[in-house]
PDB file of all heavy atoms in Angstrom:
ATOM      1  N   ASN A   1     -11.714 -16.478  17.788  1.00  0.00           N
ATOM      2  CA  ASN A   1     -12.355 -15.266  17.847  1.00  0.00           C
ATOM      3  C   ASN A   1     -13.235 -14.964  16.729  1.00  0.00           C
ATOM      4  O   ASN A   1     -13.678 -13.769  16.459  1.00  0.00           O
ATOM      5  CB  ASN A   1     -11.398 -14.137  18.040  1.00  0.00           C
ATOM      6  CG  ASN A   1     -10.595 -14.219  19.450  1.00  0.00           C
ATOM      7  OD1 ASN A   1      -9.470 -14.404  19.443  1.00  0.00           O
ATOM      8  ND2 ASN A   1     -11.270 -14.097  20.561  1.00  0.00           N
ATOM      9  N   THR A   2     -13.548 -16.018  15.897  1.00  0.00           N
ATOM     10  CA  THR A   2     -14.351 -15.833  14.810  1.00  0.00           C
ATOM     11  C   THR A   2     -15.852 -16.302  15.118  1.00  0.00           C
ATOM     12  O   THR A   2     -15.970 -17.196  16.016  1.00  0.00           O
ATOM     13  CB  THR A   2     -13.883 -16.519  13.491  1.00  0.00           C
ATOM     14  OG1 THR A   2     -13.871 -17.972  13.656  1.00  0.00           O
ATOM     15  CG2 THR A   2     -12.454 -16.090  13.126  1.00  0.00           C
ATOM     16  N   SER A   3     -16.789 -15.988  14.277  1.00  0.00           N
ATOM     17  CA  SER A   3     -18.078 -16.468  14.507  1.00  0.00           C
ATOM     18  C   SER A   3     -18.210 -17.816  13.623  1.00  0.00           C
ATOM     19  O   SER A   3     -18.935 -18.640  14.094  1.00  0.00           O
ATOM     20  CB  SER A   3     -19.059 -15.511  14.019  1.00  0.00           C
ATOM     21  OG  SER A   3     -19.050 -14.431  14.836  1.00  0.00           O
ATOM     22  N   SER A   4     -17.600 -17.906  12.494  1.00  0.00           N
ATOM     23  CA  SER A   4     -17.740 -18.939  11.608  1.00  0.00           C
ATOM     24  C   SER A   4     -16.896 -20.167  11.938  1.00  0.00           C
ATOM     25  O   SER A   4     -17.186 -21.283  11.726  1.00  0.00           O
ATOM     26  CB  SER A   4     -17.460 -18.456  10.220  1.00  0.00           C
ATOM     27  OG  SER A   4     -16.151 -18.275  10.077  1.00  0.00           O
ATOM     28  N   HIS A   5     -15.742 -19.839  12.492  1.00  0.00           N
ATOM     29  CA  HIS A   5     -14.685 -20.937  12.776  1.00  0.00           C
ATOM     30  C   HIS A   5     -14.316 -21.724  11.548  1.00  0.00           C
ATOM     31  O   HIS A   5     -13.933 -22.806  11.647  1.00  0.00           O
ATOM     32  CB  HIS A   5     -15.149 -21.792  13.855  1.00  0.00           C
ATOM     33  CG  HIS A   5     -15.475 -21.193  15.276  1.00  0.00           C
ATOM     34  ND1 HIS A   5     -14.523 -20.735  16.056  1.00  0.00           N
ATOM     35  CD2 HIS A   5     -16.713 -20.867  15.761  1.00  0.00           C
ATOM     36  CE1 HIS A   5     -15.151 -20.119  17.082  1.00  0.00           C
ATOM     37  NE2 HIS A   5     -16.454 -20.202  16.936  1.00  0.00           N
ATOM     38  N   SER A   6     -14.429 -21.032  10.453  1.00  0.00           N
ATOM     39  CA  SER A   6     -14.170 -21.645   9.141  1.00  0.00           C
ATOM     40  C   SER A   6     -13.263 -20.690   8.304  1.00  0.00           C
ATOM     41  O   SER A   6     -13.561 -19.471   8.073  1.00  0.00           O
ATOM     42  CB  SER A   6     -15.400 -21.834   8.371  1.00  0.00           C
ATOM     43  OG  SER A   6     -15.066 -22.268   7.055  1.00  0.00           O
ATOM     44  N   LEU A   7     -12.138 -21.255   7.870  1.00  0.00           N
ATOM     45  CA  LEU A   7     -11.243 -20.524   7.048  1.00  0.00           C
ATOM     46  C   LEU A   7     -11.758 -20.087   5.682  1.00  0.00           C
ATOM     47  O   LEU A   7     -11.411 -19.047   5.162  1.00  0.00           O
ATOM     48  CB  LEU A   7      -9.904 -21.294   6.818  1.00  0.00           C
ATOM     49  CG  LEU A   7      -8.774 -20.687   5.966  1.00  0.00           C
ATOM     50  CD1 LEU A   7      -8.239 -19.375   6.661  1.00  0.00           C
ATOM     51  CD2 LEU A   7      -7.636 -21.696   5.824  1.00  0.00           C
ATOM     52  N   THR A   8     -12.768 -20.811   5.200  1.00  0.00           N
ATOM     53  CA  THR A   8     -13.453 -20.456   3.966  1.00  0.00           C
ATOM     54  C   THR A   8     -14.194 -19.141   4.120  1.00  0.00           C
ATOM     55  O   THR A   8     -14.381 -18.558   2.973  1.00  0.00           O
ATOM     56  CB  THR A   8     -14.499 -21.552   3.571  1.00  0.00           C
ATOM     57  OG1 THR A   8     -15.428 -21.728   4.412  1.00  0.00           O
ATOM     58  CG2 THR A   8     -13.596 -22.922   3.269  1.00  0.00           C
ATOM     59  N   ALA A   9     -14.468 -18.630   5.264  1.00  0.00           N
ATOM     60  CA  ALA A   9     -15.177 -17.388   5.440  1.00  0.00           C
ATOM     61  C   ALA A   9     -14.199 -16.260   5.518  1.00  0.00           C
ATOM     62  O   ALA A   9     -14.626 -15.078   5.517  1.00  0.00           O
ATOM     63  CB  ALA A   9     -16.049 -17.422   6.709  1.00  0.00           C
ATOM     64  N   TRP A  10     -12.873 -16.585   5.440  1.00  0.00           N
ATOM     65  CA  TRP A  10     -11.927 -15.431   5.505  1.00  0.00           C
ATOM     66  C   TRP A  10     -10.937 -15.604   4.236  1.00  0.00           C
ATOM     67  O   TRP A  10     -10.864 -16.494   3.565  1.00  0.00           O
ATOM     68  CB  TRP A  10     -11.100 -15.741   6.719  1.00  0.00           C
ATOM     69  CG  TRP A  10     -11.837 -15.412   7.919  1.00  0.00           C
ATOM     70  CD1 TRP A  10     -12.647 -16.363   8.579  1.00  0.00           C
ATOM     71  CD2 TRP A  10     -11.932 -14.206   8.690  1.00  0.00           C
ATOM     72  NE1 TRP A  10     -13.175 -15.690   9.632  1.00  0.00           N
ATOM     73  CE2 TRP A  10     -12.808 -14.452   9.721  1.00  0.00           C
ATOM     74  CE3 TRP A  10     -11.294 -12.946   8.563  1.00  0.00           C
ATOM     75  CZ2 TRP A  10     -13.043 -13.398  10.632  1.00  0.00           C
ATOM     76  CZ3 TRP A  10     -11.631 -12.046   9.398  1.00  0.00           C
ATOM     77  CH2 TRP A  10     -12.550 -12.135  10.381  1.00  0.00           C
ATOM     78  N   GLU A  11     -10.321 -14.382   3.986  1.00  0.00           N
ATOM     79  CA  GLU A  11      -9.215 -14.424   3.019  1.00  0.00           C
ATOM     80  C   GLU A  11      -8.028 -13.586   3.529  1.00  0.00           C
ATOM     81  O   GLU A  11      -8.135 -12.779   4.395  1.00  0.00           O
ATOM     82  CB  GLU A  11      -9.811 -13.702   1.673  1.00  0.00           C
ATOM     83  CG  GLU A  11     -10.272 -12.340   1.901  1.00  0.00           C
ATOM     84  CD  GLU A  11     -10.887 -11.688   0.628  1.00  0.00           C
ATOM     85  OE1 GLU A  11     -11.702 -12.463  -0.018  1.00  0.00           O
ATOM     86  OE2 GLU A  11     -10.700 -10.558   0.339  1.00  0.00           O
ATOM     87  N   VAL A  12      -6.938 -13.999   3.060  1.00  0.00           N
ATOM     88  CA  VAL A  12      -5.634 -13.403   3.441  1.00  0.00           C
ATOM     89  C   VAL A  12      -5.542 -12.116   2.557  1.00  0.00           C
ATOM     90  O   VAL A  12      -5.382 -12.227   1.354  1.00  0.00           O
ATOM     91  CB  VAL A  12      -4.433 -14.347   3.209  1.00  0.00           C
ATOM     92  CG1 VAL A  12      -3.134 -13.589   3.604  1.00  0.00           C
ATOM     93  CG2 VAL A  12      -4.504 -15.509   4.186  1.00  0.00           C
ATOM     94  N   ALA A  13      -5.641 -10.945   3.210  1.00  0.00           N
ATOM     95  CA  ALA A  13      -5.572  -9.741   2.512  1.00  0.00           C
ATOM     96  C   ALA A  13      -4.070  -9.249   2.324  1.00  0.00           C
ATOM     97  O   ALA A  13      -3.850  -8.512   1.328  1.00  0.00           O
ATOM     98  CB  ALA A  13      -6.358  -8.561   3.250  1.00  0.00           C
ATOM     99  N   GLU A  14      -3.208  -9.698   3.201  1.00  0.00           N
ATOM    100  CA  GLU A  14      -1.868  -9.333   3.107  1.00  0.00           C
ATOM    101  C   GLU A  14      -0.969 -10.366   3.873  1.00  0.00           C
ATOM    102  O   GLU A  14      -1.426 -10.736   5.033  1.00  0.00           O
ATOM    103  CB  GLU A  14      -1.600  -7.926   3.797  1.00  0.00           C
ATOM    104  CG  GLU A  14      -0.252  -7.265   3.466  1.00  0.00           C
ATOM    105  CD  GLU A  14      -0.217  -5.788   3.861  1.00  0.00           C
ATOM    106  OE1 GLU A  14      -1.234  -5.319   4.204  1.00  0.00           O
ATOM    107  OE2 GLU A  14       0.834  -5.355   3.908  1.00  0.00           O
ATOM    108  N   LEU A  15       0.184 -10.797   3.358  1.00  0.00           N
ATOM    109  CA  LEU A  15       1.043 -11.606   4.048  1.00  0.00           C
ATOM    110  C   LEU A  15       2.447 -11.377   3.468  1.00  0.00           C
ATOM    111  O   LEU A  15       2.676 -11.663   2.377  1.00  0.00           O
ATOM    112  CB  LEU A  15       0.672 -13.162   3.839  1.00  0.00           C
ATOM    113  CG  LEU A  15       1.249 -14.151   4.713  1.00  0.00           C
ATOM    114  CD1 LEU A  15       0.438 -15.467   4.624  1.00  0.00           C
ATOM    115  CD2 LEU A  15       2.694 -14.516   4.624  1.00  0.00           C
ATOM    116  N   ARG A  16       3.318 -10.687   4.350  1.00  0.00           N
ATOM    117  CA  ARG A  16       4.557 -10.351   3.906  1.00  0.00           C
ATOM    118  C   ARG A  16       5.623 -10.363   5.005  1.00  0.00           C
ATOM    119  O   ARG A  16       5.221 -10.160   6.100  1.00  0.00           O
ATOM    120  CB  ARG A  16       4.537  -9.060   3.115  1.00  0.00           C
ATOM    121  CG  ARG A  16       4.145  -7.759   4.096  1.00  0.00           C
ATOM    122  CD  ARG A  16       4.019  -6.575   3.173  1.00  0.00           C
ATOM    123  NE  ARG A  16       3.374  -5.566   3.988  1.00  0.00           N
ATOM    124  CZ  ARG A  16       4.065  -4.582   4.514  1.00  0.00           C
ATOM    125  NH1 ARG A  16       5.349  -4.415   4.402  1.00  0.00           N
ATOM    126  NH2 ARG A  16       3.440  -3.597   5.278  1.00  0.00           N
ATOM    127  N   SER A  17       6.888 -10.477   4.664  1.00  0.00           N
ATOM    128  CA  SER A  17       7.929 -10.406   5.593  1.00  0.00           C
ATOM    129  C   SER A  17       8.253  -8.920   5.864  1.00  0.00           C
ATOM    130  O   SER A  17       8.365  -8.185   4.886  1.00  0.00           O
ATOM    131  CB  SER A  17       9.165 -11.111   4.972  1.00  0.00           C
ATOM    132  OG  SER A  17      10.274 -11.061   5.850  1.00  0.00           O
ATOM    133  N   VAL A  18       8.431  -8.637   7.110  1.00  0.00           N
ATOM    134  CA  VAL A  18       8.682  -7.197   7.593  1.00  0.00           C
ATOM    135  C   VAL A  18       9.748  -7.236   8.781  1.00  0.00           C
ATOM    136  O   VAL A  18      10.013  -8.195   9.316  1.00  0.00           O
ATOM    137  CB  VAL A  18       7.367  -6.513   8.059  1.00  0.00           C
ATOM    138  CG1 VAL A  18       6.459  -6.376   6.941  1.00  0.00           C
ATOM    139  CG2 VAL A  18       6.810  -7.285   9.352  1.00  0.00           C
ATOM    140  N   THR A  19      10.309  -6.052   9.022  1.00  0.00           N
ATOM    141  CA  THR A  19      11.015  -5.739  10.191  1.00  0.00           C
ATOM    142  C   THR A  19      10.080  -5.117  11.158  1.00  0.00           C
ATOM    143  O   THR A  19       9.062  -4.479  10.791  1.00  0.00           O
ATOM    144  CB  THR A  19      12.151  -4.796   9.971  1.00  0.00           C
ATOM    145  OG1 THR A  19      11.704  -3.502   9.610  1.00  0.00           O
ATOM    146  CG2 THR A  19      13.073  -5.421   8.920  1.00  0.00           C
ATOM    147  N   GLY A  20      10.385  -5.140  12.510  1.00  0.00           N
ATOM    148  CA  GLY A  20       9.569  -4.559  13.481  1.00  0.00           C
ATOM    149  C   GLY A  20       9.413  -3.153  13.280  1.00  0.00           C
ATOM    150  O   GLY A  20       8.305  -2.562  13.571  1.00  0.00           O
ATOM    151  N   GLN A  21      10.405  -2.411  12.823  1.00  0.00           N
ATOM    152  CA  GLN A  21      10.349  -0.962  12.574  1.00  0.00           C
ATOM    153  C   GLN A  21       9.239  -0.606  11.589  1.00  0.00           C
ATOM    154  O   GLN A  21       8.551   0.351  11.738  1.00  0.00           O
ATOM    155  CB  GLN A  21      11.705  -0.377  12.169  1.00  0.00           C
ATOM    156  CG  GLN A  21      11.806   1.072  11.991  1.00  0.00           C
ATOM    157  CD  GLN A  21      11.595   1.765  13.367  1.00  0.00           C
ATOM    158  OE1 GLN A  21      12.118   1.354  14.333  1.00  0.00           O
ATOM    159  NE2 GLN A  21      10.738   2.789  13.313  1.00  0.00           N
ATOM    160  N   GLU A  22       9.164  -1.389  10.525  1.00  0.00           N
ATOM    161  CA  GLU A  22       8.135  -1.158   9.592  1.00  0.00           C
ATOM    162  C   GLU A  22       6.791  -1.202   9.935  1.00  0.00           C
ATOM    163  O   GLU A  22       5.842  -0.605   9.398  1.00  0.00           O
ATOM    164  CB  GLU A  22       8.275  -2.123   8.363  1.00  0.00           C
ATOM    165  CG  GLU A  22       9.552  -2.175   7.574  1.00  0.00           C
ATOM    166  CD  GLU A  22       9.572  -3.226   6.533  1.00  0.00           C
ATOM    167  OE1 GLU A  22       8.692  -3.342   5.687  1.00  0.00           O
ATOM    168  OE2 GLU A  22      10.311  -4.241   6.745  1.00  0.00           O
ATOM    169  N   ILE A  23       6.500  -1.986  11.053  1.00  0.00           N
ATOM    170  CA  ILE A  23       5.155  -2.340  11.450  1.00  0.00           C
ATOM    171  C   ILE A  23       4.707  -1.931  12.780  1.00  0.00           C
ATOM    172  O   ILE A  23       3.603  -2.163  13.168  1.00  0.00           O
ATOM    173  CB  ILE A  23       5.078  -3.890  11.238  1.00  0.00           C
ATOM    174  CG1 ILE A  23       3.768  -4.408  10.682  1.00  0.00           C
ATOM    175  CG2 ILE A  23       5.517  -4.603  12.478  1.00  0.00           C
ATOM    176  CD1 ILE A  23       3.642  -4.186   9.279  1.00  0.00           C
ATOM    177  N   LEU A  24       5.635  -1.240  13.531  1.00  0.00           N
ATOM    178  CA  LEU A  24       5.211  -0.753  14.940  1.00  0.00           C
ATOM    179  C   LEU A  24       3.924  -0.096  15.050  1.00  0.00           C
ATOM    180  O   LEU A  24       3.109  -0.452  15.931  1.00  0.00           O
ATOM    181  CB  LEU A  24       6.409   0.100  15.406  1.00  0.00           C
ATOM    182  CG  LEU A  24       7.537  -0.640  16.110  1.00  0.00           C
ATOM    183  CD1 LEU A  24       8.696   0.359  16.347  1.00  0.00           C
ATOM    184  CD2 LEU A  24       7.211  -1.411  17.231  1.00  0.00           C
ATOM    185  N   ASP A  25       3.636   0.812  14.083  1.00  0.00           N
ATOM    186  CA  ASP A  25       2.319   1.598  14.207  1.00  0.00           C
ATOM    187  C   ASP A  25       1.147   0.861  13.899  1.00  0.00           C
ATOM    188  O   ASP A  25       0.019   1.338  14.179  1.00  0.00           O
ATOM    189  CB  ASP A  25       2.507   2.839  13.339  1.00  0.00           C
ATOM    190  CG  ASP A  25       2.577   2.431  11.792  1.00  0.00           C
ATOM    191  OD1 ASP A  25       3.060   1.322  11.580  1.00  0.00           O
ATOM    192  OD2 ASP A  25       2.143   3.324  10.918  1.00  0.00           O
ATOM    193  N   ARG A  26       1.166  -0.499  13.436  1.00  0.00           N
ATOM    194  CA  ARG A  26       0.091  -1.202  13.089  1.00  0.00           C
ATOM    195  C   ARG A  26      -0.698  -1.871  14.301  1.00  0.00           C
ATOM    196  O   ARG A  26      -1.630  -2.504  14.163  1.00  0.00           O
ATOM    197  CB  ARG A  26       0.355  -2.210  12.004  1.00  0.00           C
ATOM    198  CG  ARG A  26       0.916  -1.616  10.786  1.00  0.00           C
ATOM    199  CD  ARG A  26      -0.037  -1.299   9.638  1.00  0.00           C
ATOM    200  NE  ARG A  26       0.569  -0.659   8.496  1.00  0.00           N
ATOM    201  CZ  ARG A  26       0.706  -1.117   7.345  1.00  0.00           C
ATOM    202  NH1 ARG A  26       0.189  -2.444   7.107  1.00  0.00           N
ATOM    203  NH2 ARG A  26       1.188  -0.509   6.400  1.00  0.00           N
ATOM    204  N   PHE A  27       0.004  -1.855  15.439  1.00  0.00           N
ATOM    205  CA  PHE A  27      -0.442  -2.616  16.610  1.00  0.00           C
ATOM    206  C   PHE A  27      -0.601  -1.698  17.844  1.00  0.00           C
ATOM    207  O   PHE A  27      -0.088  -2.108  18.857  1.00  0.00           O
ATOM    208  CB  PHE A  27       0.450  -3.789  16.887  1.00  0.00           C
ATOM    209  CG  PHE A  27       0.438  -4.780  15.723  1.00  0.00           C
ATOM    210  CD1 PHE A  27       1.391  -4.682  14.626  1.00  0.00           C
ATOM    211  CD2 PHE A  27      -0.403  -5.776  15.765  1.00  0.00           C
ATOM    212  CE1 PHE A  27       1.337  -5.618  13.697  1.00  0.00           C
ATOM    213  CE2 PHE A  27      -0.556  -6.722  14.740  1.00  0.00           C
ATOM    214  CZ  PHE A  27       0.391  -6.554  13.672  1.00  0.00           C
ATOM    215  N   PRO A  28      -1.321  -0.640  17.740  1.00  0.00           N
ATOM    216  CA  PRO A  28      -1.441   0.269  18.988  1.00  0.00           C
ATOM    217  C   PRO A  28      -2.488  -0.455  19.938  1.00  0.00           C
ATOM    218  O   PRO A  28      -3.365  -1.051  19.545  1.00  0.00           O
ATOM    219  CB  PRO A  28      -1.875   1.645  18.349  1.00  0.00           C
ATOM    220  CG  PRO A  28      -2.698   1.206  17.152  1.00  0.00           C
ATOM    221  CD  PRO A  28      -1.950   0.009  16.595  1.00  0.00           C
ATOM    222  N   GLY A  29      -2.286  -0.039  21.177  1.00  0.00           N
ATOM    223  CA  GLY A  29      -3.302  -0.331  22.175  1.00  0.00           C
ATOM    224  C   GLY A  29      -3.472  -1.800  22.424  1.00  0.00           C
ATOM    225  O   GLY A  29      -2.628  -2.682  22.257  1.00  0.00           O
ATOM    226  N   GLU A  30      -4.692  -2.185  22.822  1.00  0.00           N
ATOM    227  CA  GLU A  30      -5.063  -3.599  23.136  1.00  0.00           C
ATOM    228  C   GLU A  30      -5.149  -4.476  21.825  1.00  0.00           C
ATOM    229  O   GLU A  30      -5.481  -3.984  20.816  1.00  0.00           O
ATOM    230  CB  GLU A  30      -6.434  -3.653  23.872  1.00  0.00           C
ATOM    231  CG  GLU A  30      -6.315  -2.913  25.111  1.00  0.00           C
ATOM    232  CD  GLU A  30      -5.377  -3.608  26.209  1.00  0.00           C
ATOM    233  OE1 GLU A  30      -5.497  -4.760  26.343  1.00  0.00           O
ATOM    234  OE2 GLU A  30      -4.570  -2.882  26.820  1.00  0.00           O
ATOM    235  N   PRO A  31      -5.048  -5.769  22.064  1.00  0.00           N
ATOM    236  CA  PRO A  31      -5.092  -6.730  20.996  1.00  0.00           C
ATOM    237  C   PRO A  31      -6.431  -6.654  20.293  1.00  0.00           C
ATOM    238  O   PRO A  31      -6.656  -6.873  19.125  1.00  0.00           O
ATOM    239  CB  PRO A  31      -4.838  -8.040  21.496  1.00  0.00           C
ATOM    240  CG  PRO A  31      -4.231  -7.828  22.826  1.00  0.00           C
ATOM    241  CD  PRO A  31      -4.544  -6.432  23.308  1.00  0.00           C
ATOM    242  N   ALA A  32      -7.566  -6.462  21.035  1.00  0.00           N
ATOM    243  CA  ALA A  32      -8.916  -6.391  20.406  1.00  0.00           C
ATOM    244  C   ALA A  32      -9.430  -4.971  20.614  1.00  0.00           C
ATOM    245  O   ALA A  32      -9.750  -4.539  21.652  1.00  0.00           O
ATOM    246  CB  ALA A  32      -9.836  -7.446  21.083  1.00  0.00           C
ATOM    247  N   ALA A  33      -9.508  -4.352  19.469  1.00  0.00           N
ATOM    248  CA  ALA A  33     -10.029  -2.954  19.379  1.00  0.00           C
ATOM    249  C   ALA A  33     -11.510  -2.882  19.876  1.00  0.00           C
ATOM    250  O   ALA A  33     -12.294  -3.637  19.314  1.00  0.00           O
ATOM    251  CB  ALA A  33      -9.885  -2.285  18.079  1.00  0.00           C
ATOM    252  N   GLY A  34     -11.777  -2.289  20.975  1.00  0.00           N
ATOM    253  CA  GLY A  34     -13.176  -2.234  21.443  1.00  0.00           C
ATOM    254  C   GLY A  34     -13.592  -3.279  22.349  1.00  0.00           C
ATOM    255  O   GLY A  34     -14.641  -3.333  22.902  1.00  0.00           O
ATOM    256  N   GLY A  35     -12.803  -4.396  22.382  1.00  0.00           N
ATOM    257  CA  GLY A  35     -13.078  -5.572  23.179  1.00  0.00           C
ATOM    258  C   GLY A  35     -14.374  -6.315  22.704  1.00  0.00           C
ATOM    259  O   GLY A  35     -14.927  -6.916  23.644  1.00  0.00           O
ATOM    260  N   CYS A  36     -14.767  -6.169  21.631  1.00  0.00           N
ATOM    261  CA  CYS A  36     -16.082  -6.771  21.202  1.00  0.00           C
ATOM    262  C   CYS A  36     -15.956  -8.043  20.394  1.00  0.00           C
ATOM    263  O   CYS A  36     -16.886  -8.474  19.806  1.00  0.00           O
ATOM    264  CB  CYS A  36     -16.871  -5.696  20.440  1.00  0.00           C
ATOM    265  SG  CYS A  36     -16.102  -5.143  18.903  1.00  0.00           S
ATOM    266  N   VAL A  37     -14.837  -8.618  20.333  1.00  0.00           N
ATOM    267  CA  VAL A  37     -14.740  -9.865  19.507  1.00  0.00           C
ATOM    268  C   VAL A  37     -15.350 -11.040  20.253  1.00  0.00           C
ATOM    269  O   VAL A  37     -15.294 -11.105  21.560  1.00  0.00           O
ATOM    270  CB  VAL A  37     -13.195 -10.210  19.064  1.00  0.00           C
ATOM    271  CG1 VAL A  37     -12.628  -9.098  18.223  1.00  0.00           C
ATOM    272  CG2 VAL A  37     -12.391 -10.388  20.400  1.00  0.00           C
ATOM    273  N   PRO A  38     -15.951 -11.978  19.511  1.00  0.00           N
ATOM    274  CA  PRO A  38     -16.409 -13.195  20.097  1.00  0.00           C
ATOM    275  C   PRO A  38     -15.318 -14.084  20.598  1.00  0.00           C
ATOM    276  O   PRO A  38     -14.126 -13.965  20.175  1.00  0.00           O
ATOM    277  CB  PRO A  38     -17.289 -13.881  19.036  1.00  0.00           C
ATOM    278  CG  PRO A  38     -16.682 -13.412  17.766  1.00  0.00           C
ATOM    279  CD  PRO A  38     -16.137 -12.018  18.087  1.00  0.00           C
ATOM    280  N   GLY A  39     -15.613 -15.063  21.461  1.00  0.00           N
ATOM    281  CA  GLY A  39     -14.488 -15.967  21.880  1.00  0.00           C
ATOM    282  C   GLY A  39     -13.729 -15.513  23.030  1.00  0.00           C
ATOM    283  O   GLY A  39     -13.955 -14.505  23.700  1.00  0.00           O
TER     284      GLY A  39
END
C-alpha cells in the first residue's frame, strides 16, 4: 500500500509490546481511513 515500495522511504516511529486493552482505541473503523491508500 505504499507508493515507493521501499523501506528506506519509511521509519519506524513506534514499536513496542502491548496488551490488547492498551491499544483497542487505536484501531477504530476500517483498516484504511478514507479508503484512499494505493495498492
